[in-house]
Amino acid sequence: MSFQGYNRLTVLLSTKLVTKELHIIQENYLRTLDRIAAAAKASGRSPEMIRLVVISKAQSVEVIKIAIQAGIKLFGENYPEEAVEKMETLGFPVDLEWHMVGHVQSRKVDLVAKHFQLLHSLDSLKLARRLDRSCGQEGKKLPVLLEFNIGGEASKNGWLANQEKKWPDLLDELVNLRDMPNLSVKGLMCMPPPADLAEISRSYFIKTRKLQDFLRTQLPDLQWTELSMGTSADYDIAVEEGATLIRVGTAILGTRTN
C-alpha cells in the first residue's frame, strides 16, 4: 500500500471511530436526560428545573469536542489549570458554560474568577474572601454554591453540617458572605459518602434540602435556590429529593482517559 493510500485508510478508520463515539455519547446524554425527566415527573417537579452538568474531568479535548457535537454545552471540571488548557484549545467558545465543581486551592483562585460561570464548591470563608477579591479585580460577579460536608467525613471539604443541632453555629461565618460584593450565593452543594447502593444517598440529600430550608429562613437576603447534588451513581434519587444541578461524568462520556 502506498503512503497516500495508508493515509486515506487512517483517516477513514479515525472518522468511523469518531462517529461511533459520537453516537455512544449522544445516546448516553439523551438517556440521562430522559432519566432526569422521569425522576422529576415522579416527584411532581418540572424537568426544566434541573440542569445537567457533564463532568469532563480527565477527559481529552477530543472527547469534549465530540460531546459538543452531541449537543452538550455545560461542562464541569475539578482542576482549574486542566480546564483552562481545554478552554484555550477549544478557543473559548462563547456558547459553552463551564462550572468548577472541585476543591479550589488558594493559588488557583484567579483562574476560577476569570474563566468559570459557576463555582459549586466554595468551602470556606478564607476561600470566599480571596475569590471575592479576585473577582473584583476581574470586574466580575461570580455565582457560587456553598459546599457542606453533610456526612461528617474527615476526607471531605466544606462546612461541617452532619449534625442538625449545630446548624445555627454555621451562621456566624456564613453571614459574612453578605459583605462580599463580587460573589453571588445561589445555593448549596453536597457529596454524600460513597455507598454500594444509590438509595443510601437519599438521607444525605434530604438533610441537604433541610439545610437549604434552614438557611433560607435564617439568611433570607442570600439566595438559596440551587441544590447541586447527585452524580452518575445516584442522580435519579437526587432529582427526587430536590436537586437543581446534577453532576454526571462517566455515565455520559465513558471511562476517563487521563
Protein backbone atom coordinates (compact mmCIF):
# COMPACT_ATOMS: atom_id res chain seq x y z
CA MET A 1 0.00 0.00 0.00
CA SER A 2 1.25 3.48 -0.89
CA PHE A 3 1.78 6.13 1.76
CA GLN A 4 -1.12 8.10 0.28
CA GLY A 5 -3.36 5.03 0.45
CA TYR A 6 -2.28 4.40 4.04
CA ASN A 7 -3.22 7.98 4.97
CA ARG A 8 -6.67 7.61 3.42
CA LEU A 9 -7.28 4.38 5.34
CA THR A 10 -6.12 6.01 8.58
CA VAL A 11 -8.49 8.96 8.08
CA LEU A 12 -11.36 6.61 7.25
CA LEU A 13 -10.82 4.48 10.34
CA SER A 14 -10.43 7.57 12.51
CA THR A 15 -13.68 9.02 11.13
CA LYS A 16 -15.53 5.77 11.84
CA LEU A 17 -14.23 5.72 15.42
CA VAL A 18 -15.30 9.34 15.99
CA THR A 19 -18.73 8.62 14.52
CA LYS A 20 -19.13 5.61 16.81
CA GLU A 21 -18.03 7.58 19.88
CA LEU A 22 -20.36 10.43 18.95
CA HIS A 23 -23.27 8.01 18.77
CA ILE A 24 -22.40 6.48 22.14
CA ILE A 25 -22.04 9.84 23.91
CA GLN A 26 -25.22 11.18 22.33
CA GLU A 27 -27.17 8.11 23.38
CA ASN A 28 -25.77 8.31 26.93
CA TYR A 29 -26.60 12.01 27.13
CA LEU A 30 -30.18 11.60 25.92
CA ARG A 31 -30.71 8.59 28.18
CA THR A 32 -29.52 10.62 31.17
CA LEU A 33 -31.85 13.49 30.28
CA ASP A 34 -34.75 11.03 29.98
CA ARG A 35 -33.99 9.56 33.42
CA ILE A 36 -33.80 13.02 34.94
CA ALA A 37 -37.15 13.92 33.39
CA ALA A 38 -38.72 10.70 34.64
CA ALA A 39 -37.42 11.23 38.19
CA ALA A 40 -38.61 14.85 38.15
CA LYS A 41 -42.11 13.94 37.00
CA ALA A 42 -42.33 11.09 39.51
CA SER A 43 -41.69 13.58 42.31
CA GLY A 44 -44.03 16.25 40.95
CA ARG A 45 -41.30 18.50 39.60
CA SER A 46 -40.76 20.05 36.19
CA PRO A 47 -37.73 18.65 34.32
CA GLU A 48 -36.95 22.23 33.27
CA MET A 49 -35.98 22.92 36.90
CA ILE A 50 -32.92 20.63 36.63
CA ARG A 51 -29.71 21.29 34.74
CA LEU A 52 -27.29 18.54 33.79
CA VAL A 53 -23.60 19.34 34.28
CA VAL A 54 -21.46 16.92 32.27
CA ILE A 55 -18.25 16.29 34.22
CA SER A 56 -15.32 16.34 31.82
CA LYS A 57 -12.53 15.98 34.38
CA ALA A 58 -9.62 13.96 32.97
CA GLN A 59 -11.32 13.67 29.58
CA SER A 60 -9.34 14.66 26.49
CA VAL A 61 -10.15 17.69 24.36
CA GLU A 62 -11.03 15.27 21.56
CA VAL A 63 -13.73 13.69 23.74
CA ILE A 64 -15.07 17.13 24.69
CA LYS A 65 -15.24 18.10 21.01
CA ILE A 66 -17.33 15.00 20.34
CA ALA A 67 -19.51 15.82 23.34
CA ILE A 68 -20.14 19.29 21.92
CA GLN A 69 -21.20 17.68 18.63
CA ALA A 70 -23.59 15.53 20.68
CA GLY A 71 -25.30 18.69 21.92
CA ILE A 72 -23.60 19.15 25.31
CA LYS A 73 -22.96 22.78 26.26
CA LEU A 74 -22.46 22.66 30.04
CA PHE A 75 -19.28 21.10 31.42
CA GLY A 76 -17.95 20.65 34.94
CA GLU A 77 -14.27 20.47 35.83
CA ASN A 78 -12.33 19.65 39.01
CA TYR A 79 -8.94 21.20 38.29
CA PRO A 80 -8.69 24.83 37.12
CA GLU A 81 -5.43 24.52 35.16
CA GLU A 82 -6.58 21.42 33.29
CA ALA A 83 -9.89 23.10 32.48
CA VAL A 84 -8.33 26.34 31.22
CA GLU A 85 -5.99 24.37 28.93
CA LYS A 86 -9.07 22.75 27.39
CA MET A 87 -10.81 26.09 27.03
CA GLU A 88 -7.76 27.56 25.29
CA THR A 89 -7.52 24.60 22.90
CA LEU A 90 -11.21 24.92 22.07
CA GLY A 91 -10.84 28.66 21.52
CA PHE A 92 -13.12 29.75 24.39
CA PRO A 93 -16.45 29.15 22.58
CA VAL A 94 -18.99 31.63 23.92
CA ASP A 95 -21.83 29.12 23.75
CA LEU A 96 -20.24 26.79 26.31
CA GLU A 97 -20.71 27.08 30.07
CA TRP A 98 -18.03 25.90 32.49
CA HIS A 99 -18.60 25.06 36.16
CA MET A 100 -15.87 24.41 38.71
CA VAL A 101 -17.00 21.51 40.89
CA GLY A 102 -13.78 20.51 42.68
CA HIS A 103 -11.87 21.91 45.63
CA VAL A 104 -10.13 25.19 44.75
CA GLN A 105 -6.64 25.82 46.08
CA SER A 106 -5.88 29.41 47.05
CA ARG A 107 -3.27 29.78 44.31
CA LYS A 108 -5.85 28.78 41.65
CA VAL A 109 -8.45 31.35 42.67
CA ASP A 110 -7.60 33.76 39.84
CA LEU A 111 -8.24 31.07 37.21
CA VAL A 112 -11.66 30.34 38.67
CA ALA A 113 -12.56 34.01 38.90
CA LYS A 114 -11.62 34.63 35.28
CA HIS A 115 -12.83 31.56 33.43
CA PHE A 116 -15.83 29.93 35.15
CA GLN A 117 -19.51 30.77 35.19
CA LEU A 118 -20.35 29.00 38.47
CA LEU A 119 -18.41 27.57 41.40
CA HIS A 120 -20.11 24.61 43.08
CA SER A 121 -17.50 24.11 45.80
CA LEU A 122 -16.99 27.26 47.86
CA ASP A 123 -15.91 25.51 51.05
CA SER A 124 -14.53 28.11 53.46
CA LEU A 125 -14.71 31.76 54.45
CA LYS A 126 -11.00 32.13 53.67
CA LEU A 127 -11.55 30.97 50.09
CA ALA A 128 -14.59 33.23 49.77
CA ARG A 129 -12.59 36.31 50.72
CA ARG A 130 -9.81 35.52 48.24
CA LEU A 131 -12.28 34.76 45.50
CA ASP A 132 -14.24 37.94 46.16
CA ARG A 133 -11.04 39.96 45.89
CA SER A 134 -10.01 38.23 42.65
CA CYS A 135 -13.45 38.64 41.09
CA GLY A 136 -13.33 42.33 41.97
CA GLN A 137 -10.06 42.64 40.05
CA GLU A 138 -11.73 40.93 37.08
CA GLY A 139 -14.74 43.23 37.31
CA LYS A 140 -16.93 40.15 37.64
CA LYS A 141 -19.62 38.91 40.00
CA LEU A 142 -19.33 35.14 40.29
CA PRO A 143 -22.28 32.90 41.23
CA VAL A 144 -21.26 30.37 43.90
CA LEU A 145 -22.66 27.41 45.77
CA LEU A 146 -21.56 26.63 49.32
CA GLU A 147 -20.20 23.15 49.87
CA PHE A 148 -21.39 21.40 53.03
CA ASN A 149 -19.87 18.26 54.49
CA ILE A 150 -23.19 16.61 55.14
CA GLY A 151 -21.69 13.20 56.01
CA GLY A 152 -19.12 14.44 58.52
CA GLU A 153 -16.24 12.80 56.67
CA ALA A 154 -12.73 13.85 57.63
CA SER A 155 -11.63 13.49 53.98
CA LYS A 156 -14.24 15.93 52.63
CA ASN A 157 -14.06 19.70 52.32
CA GLY A 158 -16.84 22.11 53.16
CA TRP A 159 -18.63 23.48 56.18
CA LEU A 160 -19.34 20.66 58.62
CA ALA A 161 -23.09 20.11 58.66
CA ASN A 162 -23.69 16.49 59.62
CA GLN A 163 -25.35 17.39 62.95
CA GLU A 164 -28.56 19.35 62.54
CA LYS A 165 -28.41 20.71 66.11
CA LYS A 166 -25.18 22.53 65.19
CA TRP A 167 -26.51 24.27 62.09
CA PRO A 168 -27.05 27.56 63.99
CA ASP A 169 -23.28 27.62 64.61
CA LEU A 170 -22.72 27.98 60.86
CA LEU A 171 -24.42 31.35 60.75
CA ASP A 172 -21.59 33.29 62.39
CA GLU A 173 -19.39 32.55 59.38
CA LEU A 174 -21.97 32.49 56.62
CA VAL A 175 -23.35 35.91 57.49
CA ASN A 176 -20.02 37.37 56.30
CA LEU A 177 -20.91 36.40 52.74
CA ARG A 178 -23.34 39.31 52.70
CA ASP A 179 -20.37 41.68 52.64
CA MET A 180 -18.71 40.21 49.54
CA PRO A 181 -19.97 42.27 46.60
CA ASN A 182 -18.29 40.16 43.93
CA LEU A 183 -19.82 36.82 44.95
CA SER A 184 -23.45 35.86 44.48
CA VAL A 185 -24.56 32.99 46.70
CA LYS A 186 -27.00 30.80 44.79
CA GLY A 187 -27.36 27.67 46.91
CA LEU A 188 -25.70 24.53 48.28
CA MET A 189 -23.62 21.60 47.12
CA CYS A 190 -23.09 18.24 48.80
CA MET A 191 -21.33 14.97 48.11
CA PRO A 192 -22.65 12.02 50.16
CA PRO A 193 -20.27 9.34 51.45
CA PRO A 194 -19.55 6.56 48.92
CA ALA A 195 -22.05 3.71 49.08
CA ASP A 196 -22.72 0.43 47.30
CA LEU A 197 -26.42 1.27 46.93
CA ALA A 198 -27.67 4.54 45.47
CA GLU A 199 -30.62 4.57 47.87
CA ILE A 200 -28.22 5.16 50.78
CA SER A 201 -27.57 8.65 49.40
CA ARG A 202 -31.21 9.65 49.87
CA SER A 203 -30.92 10.53 53.57
CA TYR A 204 -27.99 12.86 52.82
CA PHE A 205 -29.91 14.57 50.03
CA ILE A 206 -32.90 15.02 52.34
CA LYS A 207 -30.66 16.52 55.02
CA THR A 208 -29.13 18.92 52.49
CA ARG A 209 -32.57 20.06 51.41
CA LYS A 210 -33.50 20.63 55.07
CA LEU A 211 -30.31 22.67 55.48
CA GLN A 212 -31.33 24.71 52.45
CA ASP A 213 -34.68 25.47 54.13
CA PHE A 214 -32.89 26.41 57.35
CA LEU A 215 -30.52 28.81 55.60
CA ARG A 216 -33.31 30.32 53.55
CA THR A 217 -35.08 31.17 56.81
CA GLN A 218 -32.02 32.40 58.71
CA LEU A 219 -30.27 34.30 55.91
CA PRO A 220 -33.12 35.36 53.61
CA ASP A 221 -31.12 38.14 51.97
CA LEU A 222 -28.91 35.50 50.28
CA GLN A 223 -30.20 33.22 47.53
CA TRP A 224 -30.62 29.53 48.33
CA THR A 225 -32.43 28.32 45.21
CA GLU A 226 -29.85 25.89 43.80
CA LEU A 227 -29.04 22.38 45.06
CA SER A 228 -26.05 20.69 43.41
CA MET A 229 -26.22 17.02 44.34
CA GLY A 230 -26.25 13.70 42.56
CA THR A 231 -23.67 12.00 40.34
CA SER A 232 -23.60 9.09 37.90
CA ALA A 233 -24.34 6.70 40.77
CA ASP A 234 -27.38 8.36 42.34
CA TYR A 235 -28.71 11.27 40.30
CA ASP A 236 -32.25 9.87 39.99
CA ILE A 237 -32.60 9.99 43.77
CA ALA A 238 -31.04 13.45 43.92
CA VAL A 239 -33.68 14.73 41.49
CA GLU A 240 -36.44 13.16 43.56
CA GLU A 241 -35.10 14.99 46.62
CA GLY A 242 -34.88 18.44 45.06
CA ALA A 243 -31.59 18.74 43.14
CA THR A 244 -31.46 21.51 40.56
CA LEU A 245 -27.94 20.71 39.30
CA ILE A 246 -26.83 17.13 38.56
CA ARG A 247 -23.15 16.27 38.06
CA VAL A 248 -22.74 13.28 35.71
CA GLY A 249 -19.46 12.27 34.07
CA THR A 250 -18.58 8.68 33.23
CA ALA A 251 -22.19 7.64 32.64
CA ILE A 252 -22.15 10.01 29.64
CA LEU A 253 -18.55 10.39 28.47
CA GLY A 254 -17.28 6.95 29.47
CA THR A 255 -14.12 5.96 31.28
CA ARG A 256 -11.75 8.86 31.87
CA THR A 257 -8.73 8.91 29.60
CA ASN A 258 -6.21 10.67 31.85
